[in-house]
N, C-alpha and C. Protein backbone atom coordinates (compact mmCIF):
# COMPACT_ATOMS: atom_id res chain seq x y z
N MET A 1 -3.30 -6.86 13.93
CA MET A 1 -3.86 -5.91 12.80
C MET A 1 -4.23 -6.59 11.18
N TYR A 2 -4.62 -5.57 10.95
CA TYR A 2 -5.03 -5.74 9.86
C TYR A 2 -4.80 -4.89 8.54
N ALA A 3 -4.81 -5.73 7.40
CA ALA A 3 -4.24 -4.89 5.87
C ALA A 3 -5.06 -4.60 5.62
N VAL A 4 -5.91 -3.39 4.57
CA VAL A 4 -6.40 -3.24 3.43
C VAL A 4 -5.28 -3.14 2.52
N ILE A 5 -6.02 -4.03 1.41
CA ILE A 5 -4.65 -3.67 -0.14
C ILE A 5 -6.21 -3.55 -0.90
N PHE A 6 -6.24 -2.14 -1.29
CA PHE A 6 -6.92 -1.58 -2.31
C PHE A 6 -5.83 -1.36 -3.76
N LYS A 7 -6.53 -2.29 -4.86
CA LYS A 7 -5.79 -2.21 -5.98
C LYS A 7 -6.65 -1.63 -7.38
N ALA A 8 -6.18 -0.98 -7.88
CA ALA A 8 -6.59 -0.35 -9.03
C ALA A 8 -5.83 0.01 -10.61
N GLU A 9 -7.26 -0.14 -11.37
CA GLU A 9 -6.63 0.26 -12.86
C GLU A 9 -7.09 1.46 -13.08
N LEU A 10 -5.88 2.72 -13.22
CA LEU A 10 -6.49 3.52 -13.34
C LEU A 10 -6.86 4.43 -14.63
N ASN A 11 -7.25 5.24 -14.27
CA ASN A 11 -8.00 6.04 -15.33
C ASN A 11 -7.55 7.24 -15.49
N VAL A 12 -7.64 8.53 -14.52
CA VAL A 12 -6.95 9.65 -15.47
C VAL A 12 -6.87 10.32 -13.49
N LEU A 13 -5.30 10.44 -12.99
CA LEU A 13 -5.01 11.07 -12.25
C LEU A 13 -5.04 12.87 -12.31
N ASP A 14 -5.48 13.20 -11.85
CA ASP A 14 -5.53 15.27 -11.69
C ASP A 14 -4.83 15.32 -10.45
N ALA A 15 -4.91 17.17 -10.32
CA ALA A 15 -4.91 17.12 -9.24
C ALA A 15 -5.31 17.01 -8.01
N GLU A 16 -6.46 17.31 -8.48
CA GLU A 16 -8.16 16.60 -7.76
C GLU A 16 -7.38 15.70 -6.89
N TYR A 17 -7.35 14.20 -7.59
CA TYR A 17 -7.04 13.01 -6.75
C TYR A 17 -5.91 13.60 -6.05
N HIS A 18 -4.73 14.29 -6.46
CA HIS A 18 -4.05 14.02 -5.41
C HIS A 18 -4.26 14.53 -3.63
N GLN A 19 -4.93 15.58 -3.88
CA GLN A 19 -5.49 16.37 -2.76
C GLN A 19 -6.21 15.39 -2.36
N MET A 20 -7.39 14.95 -2.78
CA MET A 20 -8.23 14.03 -2.37
C MET A 20 -7.54 13.05 -1.26
N ALA A 21 -6.38 12.13 -2.11
CA ALA A 21 -5.64 10.91 -1.61
C ALA A 21 -5.37 11.19 -0.40
N GLU A 22 -4.45 12.71 -0.18
CA GLU A 22 -3.79 13.19 1.06
C GLU A 22 -4.72 13.44 1.70
N ARG A 23 -5.78 14.29 1.88
CA ARG A 23 -7.28 14.10 2.55
C ARG A 23 -7.44 12.88 3.53
N MET A 24 -7.66 12.03 2.66
CA MET A 24 -8.41 10.84 3.24
C MET A 24 -6.65 10.14 3.78
N ARG A 25 -5.60 10.48 3.53
CA ARG A 25 -5.13 9.47 4.49
C ARG A 25 -5.25 10.59 5.99
N GLN A 26 -5.15 11.54 5.87
CA GLN A 26 -4.84 12.34 6.78
C GLN A 26 -5.88 11.82 7.74
N LEU A 27 -6.89 12.23 7.21
CA LEU A 27 -8.31 11.60 7.85
C LEU A 27 -8.40 10.13 8.55
N ALA A 28 -8.09 9.33 7.81
CA ALA A 28 -7.80 7.91 8.29
C ALA A 28 -6.72 7.98 9.52
N THR A 29 -5.91 8.42 9.56
CA THR A 29 -4.79 8.64 10.40
C THR A 29 -5.55 9.16 11.52
N ASP A 30 -5.54 10.16 11.25
CA ASP A 30 -6.48 11.24 12.59
C ASP A 30 -7.39 11.10 13.30
N LYS A 31 -8.77 10.60 11.92
CA LYS A 31 -9.84 10.77 13.20
C LYS A 31 -10.08 8.97 13.25
N TYR A 32 -9.53 7.65 12.33
CA TYR A 32 -9.93 6.68 12.86
C TYR A 32 -9.17 5.28 13.01
N GLY A 33 -7.80 6.26 13.35
CA GLY A 33 -7.13 5.06 13.92
C GLY A 33 -6.03 4.55 12.99
N CYS A 34 -6.06 5.04 12.09
CA CYS A 34 -5.07 3.75 10.48
C CYS A 34 -3.41 3.96 11.26
N LEU A 35 -2.36 3.09 10.90
CA LEU A 35 -1.15 2.77 11.73
C LEU A 35 -0.30 3.02 10.59
N GLY A 36 -0.82 3.42 9.88
CA GLY A 36 0.22 3.75 8.46
C GLY A 36 -0.34 3.12 7.32
N VAL A 37 -0.05 3.89 6.05
CA VAL A 37 -0.37 3.70 4.84
C VAL A 37 0.87 3.85 3.36
N SER A 38 0.54 3.15 2.85
CA SER A 38 1.84 2.93 1.31
C SER A 38 1.40 2.83 0.78
N SER A 39 1.41 3.36 -0.79
CA SER A 39 0.58 3.67 -2.04
C SER A 39 1.60 3.91 -3.45
N LEU A 40 1.10 3.04 -3.90
CA LEU A 40 2.51 3.06 -5.67
C LEU A 40 1.74 3.22 -6.45
N ALA A 41 2.20 3.56 -7.42
CA ALA A 41 0.97 3.53 -8.94
C ALA A 41 2.40 3.64 -10.14
N ALA A 42 2.58 2.65 -10.87
CA ALA A 42 2.62 2.55 -12.62
C ALA A 42 2.20 1.92 -13.58
N ASP A 43 2.15 2.23 -14.33
CA ASP A 43 2.23 1.35 -15.62
C ASP A 43 0.41 1.19 -15.58
N GLY A 44 -0.01 2.29 -15.20
CA GLY A 44 -1.74 2.34 -14.99
C GLY A 44 -1.92 1.63 -13.92
N GLN A 45 -1.56 1.05 -12.81
CA GLN A 45 -1.95 0.61 -12.30
C GLN A 45 -1.55 1.65 -10.87
N GLU A 46 -1.89 1.05 -9.54
CA GLU A 46 -2.39 1.72 -8.45
C GLU A 46 -2.32 0.21 -7.14
N ILE A 47 -1.27 0.80 -5.99
CA ILE A 47 -1.85 -0.18 -5.33
C ILE A 47 -1.76 0.11 -3.79
N THR A 48 -2.39 0.28 -2.88
CA THR A 48 -2.36 1.04 -1.77
C THR A 48 -2.51 0.15 -0.51
N LEU A 49 -1.74 0.13 0.35
CA LEU A 49 -1.84 -0.66 1.55
C LEU A 49 -2.05 0.24 2.72
N SER A 50 -2.67 0.10 3.48
CA SER A 50 -3.28 0.69 4.54
C SER A 50 -3.51 -0.75 6.09
N TYR A 51 -2.76 0.15 7.25
CA TYR A 51 -2.82 -0.84 8.14
C TYR A 51 -3.66 -0.69 9.21
N TRP A 52 -4.61 -1.31 10.02
CA TRP A 52 -5.45 -0.86 10.66
C TRP A 52 -5.28 -2.15 12.60
N PRO A 53 -5.66 -1.59 13.29
CA PRO A 53 -5.81 -2.19 14.66
C PRO A 53 -6.74 -3.00 14.57
N SER A 54 -8.16 -2.97 13.56
CA SER A 54 -9.05 -4.22 14.40
C SER A 54 -10.21 -3.82 13.23
N LEU A 55 -11.17 -4.70 12.72
CA LEU A 55 -12.17 -5.00 11.66
C LEU A 55 -13.10 -3.61 12.45
N LYS A 56 -13.10 -3.03 13.55
CA LYS A 56 -14.30 -1.66 13.90
C LYS A 56 -13.49 -0.65 13.52
N HIS A 57 -12.39 -0.60 13.34
CA HIS A 57 -11.91 0.62 12.71
C HIS A 57 -11.72 0.59 11.45
N ILE A 58 -11.57 -0.13 10.61
CA ILE A 58 -12.19 -0.07 9.26
C ILE A 58 -13.13 0.13 8.93
N GLU A 59 -14.51 -0.70 9.36
CA GLU A 59 -15.73 -0.44 9.73
C GLU A 59 -16.31 0.89 9.49
N ARG A 60 -15.86 2.02 10.68
CA ARG A 60 -16.24 2.67 10.46
C ARG A 60 -15.26 4.13 9.62
N TRP A 61 -14.35 3.71 9.38
CA TRP A 61 -13.69 4.42 8.05
C TRP A 61 -14.41 4.16 6.63
N LYS A 62 -14.56 2.82 6.27
CA LYS A 62 -15.26 2.71 5.16
C LYS A 62 -16.87 3.31 5.25
N ALA A 63 -17.43 3.72 6.41
CA ALA A 63 -18.61 4.21 6.42
C ALA A 63 -18.63 6.38 6.48
N ASP A 64 -17.46 6.70 6.87
CA ASP A 64 -17.11 7.87 6.71
C ASP A 64 -17.91 8.72 5.91
N PRO A 65 -18.46 9.48 6.13
CA PRO A 65 -19.14 10.44 4.45
C PRO A 65 -18.52 10.96 3.78
N GLU A 66 -16.90 11.65 4.83
CA GLU A 66 -16.49 12.31 3.14
C GLU A 66 -15.55 11.18 2.10
N HIS A 67 -15.01 9.98 3.01
CA HIS A 67 -14.66 8.69 2.56
C HIS A 67 -15.59 8.22 1.19
N LEU A 68 -16.70 8.08 1.96
CA LEU A 68 -18.19 7.63 0.74
C LEU A 68 -18.26 8.59 -0.80
N GLN A 69 -17.70 9.92 -0.08
CA GLN A 69 -17.74 10.64 -1.28
C GLN A 69 -16.42 10.38 -2.16
N ALA A 70 -15.02 10.24 -1.43
CA ALA A 70 -13.99 10.14 -2.14
C ALA A 70 -14.39 8.81 -3.32
N GLN A 71 -14.63 7.59 -2.50
CA GLN A 71 -15.19 6.34 -3.12
C GLN A 71 -15.80 6.61 -4.29
N ALA A 72 -16.97 7.50 -4.57
CA ALA A 72 -17.83 7.76 -5.50
C ALA A 72 -16.78 8.63 -6.68
N ARG A 73 -16.52 9.60 -6.04
CA ARG A 73 -15.39 10.25 -6.90
C ARG A 73 -14.22 9.58 -7.63
N GLY A 74 -14.05 8.18 -7.40
CA GLY A 74 -12.90 7.37 -7.91
C GLY A 74 -13.75 7.01 -8.89
N ARG A 75 -15.04 6.36 -8.61
CA ARG A 75 -15.42 5.26 -9.26
C ARG A 75 -15.88 6.19 -10.71
N SER A 76 -16.56 7.08 -10.13
CA SER A 76 -16.56 8.02 -11.21
C SER A 76 -15.54 8.34 -12.68
N ARG A 77 -14.38 8.75 -11.71
CA ARG A 77 -13.60 9.49 -12.40
C ARG A 77 -11.87 9.22 -12.68
N TRP A 78 -11.57 8.57 -11.36
CA TRP A 78 -10.14 8.08 -11.32
C TRP A 78 -9.91 7.27 -11.74
N TYR A 79 -11.10 5.49 -11.52
CA TYR A 79 -10.13 4.42 -11.29
C TYR A 79 -11.08 3.66 -12.61
N LYS A 80 -10.53 2.92 -13.42
CA LYS A 80 -11.19 2.09 -14.03
C LYS A 80 -12.02 0.78 -13.83
N SER A 81 -11.32 0.10 -12.68
CA SER A 81 -11.88 -0.61 -12.18
C SER A 81 -10.98 -0.22 -10.93
N TYR A 82 -11.36 -1.51 -9.66
CA TYR A 82 -10.36 -1.92 -8.50
C TYR A 82 -11.12 -2.93 -7.74
N ALA A 83 -10.52 -3.69 -6.82
CA ALA A 83 -10.82 -4.24 -6.18
C ALA A 83 -10.11 -4.05 -4.34
N VAL A 84 -10.71 -4.74 -3.53
CA VAL A 84 -10.39 -4.35 -1.78
C VAL A 84 -10.35 -5.52 -1.48
N GLN A 85 -9.14 -5.93 -0.59
CA GLN A 85 -9.11 -7.03 0.04
C GLN A 85 -8.58 -6.66 1.65
N VAL A 86 -9.26 -7.50 2.50
CA VAL A 86 -9.06 -7.14 4.01
C VAL A 86 -8.22 -8.72 4.60
N ALA A 87 -7.19 -7.88 5.25
CA ALA A 87 -6.08 -9.32 5.74
C ALA A 87 -5.92 -9.58 7.15
N HIS A 88 -5.81 -10.26 7.43
CA HIS A 88 -5.45 -10.10 9.14
C HIS A 88 -3.65 -10.60 9.11
N VAL A 89 -2.94 -9.64 9.18
CA VAL A 89 -1.73 -9.85 9.61
C VAL A 89 -1.53 -10.73 11.62
N GLN A 90 -0.37 -11.66 10.98
CA GLN A 90 -0.35 -12.65 11.87
C GLN A 90 1.16 -12.33 12.19
N ARG A 91 2.40 -12.46 11.52
CA ARG A 91 3.55 -11.70 11.76
C ARG A 91 3.84 -10.41 10.94
N GLU A 92 5.14 -9.75 11.82
CA GLU A 92 5.40 -8.72 10.55
C GLU A 92 6.77 -8.92 11.05
N TYR A 93 7.56 -8.95 10.26
CA TYR A 93 9.23 -8.86 10.43
C TYR A 93 10.24 -7.51 9.77
N ARG A 94 10.86 -7.13 10.52
CA ARG A 94 11.90 -6.44 9.86
C ARG A 94 13.46 -6.05 10.14
N SER A 95 13.89 -5.69 9.21
CA SER A 95 15.39 -5.49 9.06
C SER A 95 15.52 -4.05 8.78
N GLU A 96 16.69 -3.97 9.54
CA GLU A 96 16.99 -2.55 9.51
C GLU A 96 18.01 -1.99 8.47
């Protein structure tokens, strides 16, 4: 399993942003096999973690035309800066 870590310094989050974020989550999950997404925004920062079964899944997601449009909108409007990291998850522990 792989994790994509998206960290951003926020500019302005409006209604369009929230609609786009929900659409991107749905698209990533339904069409590209994303295993789950968690996101938190506070103090002008956002971090989103998404989990994927393989690098191929991530590459296909990254190239999606609708996702590319969302990225362009993010760069021009919603984010001052951002960084993306891709990590291989070697172990997972849980407690109920």
